[in-house]
């Protein structure tokens, strides 16, 4: 199941995944939020809190997720994926080589750091790193 995370800055879409994730979840929860964000600001800052095994995503959910990613390929700004699955964290870190934006994997215990990272705008990121 996908649920929208409501307490994030308006320039970030946050999704919490638990249990089985279906094509309908992607179509009714994720895609409308991503489409609205792109229409409003032209780029995507995305937080995915993954508290389910990636094997719990149905084939239809994966296919729609891939189609959405390709449709918005040049719009990805920041992608933060929070999961205790080491393979997911590694893949997210490696994903930065395949999309124009930045991506970073975090452990569930690092959720607050993930929110801070995906929420920070570039000028804030530069200031914080000084």
Protein backbone atom coordinates (compact mmCIF):
# COMPACT_ATOMS: atom_id res chain seq x y z
CA UNK A 1 0.00 0.00 0.00
CA UNK A 2 1.20 3.50 -0.78
CA UNK A 3 0.29 6.44 1.42
CA UNK A 4 1.07 10.10 0.93
CA UNK A 5 3.28 11.66 3.63
CA UNK A 6 1.50 14.89 4.53
CA UNK A 7 3.98 16.76 6.74
CA UNK A 8 6.66 17.64 4.15
CA UNK A 9 7.49 20.92 2.46
CA UNK A 10 5.28 21.61 -0.60
CA UNK A 11 8.21 21.13 -3.01
CA UNK A 12 8.63 17.48 -1.92
CA UNK A 13 6.42 14.45 -2.62
CA UNK A 14 6.70 11.85 0.11
CA UNK A 15 5.35 8.31 -0.18
CA UNK A 16 5.27 5.60 2.50
CA UNK A 17 5.15 2.02 1.17
CA UNK A 18 3.96 -0.86 3.35
CA UNK A 19 2.63 -4.34 2.60
CA UNK A 20 1.73 -5.14 -1.00
CA UNK A 21 2.07 -2.30 -3.52
CA UNK A 22 -0.21 -2.61 -6.53
CA UNK A 23 -0.65 -0.92 -9.90
CA UNK A 24 -3.71 0.84 -8.46
CA UNK A 25 -1.58 2.25 -5.59
CA UNK A 26 0.91 3.73 -8.07
CA UNK A 27 -1.88 5.12 -10.29
CA UNK A 28 -3.99 6.65 -7.50
CA UNK A 29 -1.40 7.76 -4.94
CA UNK A 30 2.02 8.27 -6.53
CA UNK A 31 1.39 9.36 -10.11
CA UNK A 32 -1.12 12.15 -9.38
CA UNK A 33 1.21 13.69 -6.78
CA UNK A 34 4.22 13.53 -9.09
CA UNK A 35 2.21 14.98 -12.00
CA UNK A 36 0.93 17.82 -9.79
CA UNK A 37 4.44 18.59 -8.51
CA UNK A 38 5.90 18.68 -12.04
CA UNK A 39 3.08 20.95 -13.24
CA UNK A 40 3.61 23.29 -10.28
CA UNK A 41 7.41 23.53 -10.17
CA UNK A 42 8.88 21.65 -13.11
CA UNK A 43 11.06 19.33 -11.01
CA UNK A 44 10.66 16.42 -8.64
CA UNK A 45 11.96 16.09 -5.10
CA UNK A 46 10.86 12.63 -3.97
CA UNK A 47 11.02 10.80 -0.64
CA UNK A 48 10.14 7.10 -0.57
CA UNK A 49 9.95 5.41 2.81
CA UNK A 50 10.07 1.74 1.94
CA UNK A 51 8.87 -0.40 4.85
CA UNK A 52 8.06 -3.39 2.69
CA UNK A 53 10.20 -5.75 0.69
CA UNK A 54 10.63 -4.76 -2.94
CA UNK A 55 9.25 -8.20 -3.83
CA UNK A 56 5.88 -7.00 -2.46
CA UNK A 57 5.49 -4.68 -5.47
CA UNK A 58 3.30 -6.30 -8.12
CA UNK A 59 4.47 -6.44 -11.74
CA UNK A 60 1.88 -3.79 -12.63
CA UNK A 61 3.15 -1.49 -9.90
CA UNK A 62 6.75 -1.85 -11.14
CA UNK A 63 5.71 -1.22 -14.73
CA UNK A 64 3.77 1.96 -13.86
CA UNK A 65 6.62 3.15 -11.65
CA UNK A 66 9.10 2.67 -14.51
CA UNK A 67 6.79 4.44 -16.98
CA UNK A 68 6.40 7.38 -14.58
CA UNK A 69 10.17 7.59 -14.12
CA UNK A 70 10.83 7.63 -17.84
CA UNK A 71 8.03 10.11 -18.54
CA UNK A 72 9.62 12.53 -16.06
CA UNK A 73 13.24 11.57 -16.76
CA UNK A 74 14.59 15.13 -16.99
CA UNK A 75 12.49 16.39 -14.06
CA UNK A 76 14.12 14.40 -11.23
CA UNK A 77 15.94 16.77 -8.86
CA UNK A 78 16.36 14.75 -5.66
CA UNK A 79 15.35 11.19 -4.79
CA UNK A 80 15.70 9.92 -1.22
CA UNK A 81 14.84 6.30 -0.53
CA UNK A 82 14.63 5.19 3.08
CA UNK A 83 14.84 1.45 3.68
CA UNK A 84 16.61 -1.11 5.82
CA UNK A 85 17.20 -3.23 2.73
CA UNK A 86 20.90 -2.72 1.95
CA UNK A 87 20.39 -3.59 -1.72
CA UNK A 88 17.78 -0.82 -2.04
CA UNK A 89 20.10 1.71 -0.40
CA UNK A 90 22.97 0.69 -2.69
CA UNK A 91 20.78 0.82 -5.81
CA UNK A 92 19.49 4.26 -4.85
CA UNK A 93 23.03 5.58 -4.40
CA UNK A 94 24.03 4.08 -7.79
CA UNK A 95 20.88 5.45 -9.47
CA UNK A 96 22.44 8.92 -9.42
CA UNK A 97 24.56 7.83 -12.37
CA UNK A 98 21.44 7.18 -14.47
CA UNK A 99 19.23 10.21 -13.78
CA UNK A 100 20.02 13.89 -14.13
CA UNK A 101 19.22 14.65 -10.47
CA UNK A 102 20.67 13.41 -7.20
CA UNK A 103 19.65 10.23 -5.41
CA UNK A 104 20.64 8.92 -2.02
CA UNK A 105 19.74 5.89 0.08
CA UNK A 106 19.12 6.08 3.82
CA UNK A 107 18.40 3.54 6.57
CA UNK A 108 15.05 3.79 8.37
CA UNK A 109 16.92 5.10 11.43
CA UNK A 110 18.09 8.01 9.22
CA UNK A 111 14.61 9.17 8.20
CA UNK A 112 15.06 12.68 9.64
CA UNK A 113 18.35 13.07 7.73
CA UNK A 114 16.62 11.90 4.53
CA UNK A 115 13.83 14.45 4.99
CA UNK A 116 16.38 17.20 5.64
CA UNK A 117 18.43 16.23 2.57
CA UNK A 118 15.51 15.94 0.12
CA UNK A 119 13.87 19.11 1.46
CA UNK A 120 16.96 21.36 1.34
CA UNK A 121 17.15 23.60 -1.67
CA UNK A 122 20.53 23.91 -3.40
CA UNK A 123 21.47 27.25 -1.84
CA UNK A 124 20.54 25.86 1.60
CA UNK A 125 22.60 22.72 0.95
CA UNK A 126 25.64 24.82 0.10
CA UNK A 127 25.19 26.99 3.20
CA UNK A 128 24.74 23.97 5.49
CA UNK A 129 27.89 22.30 4.21
CA UNK A 130 30.13 25.29 5.06
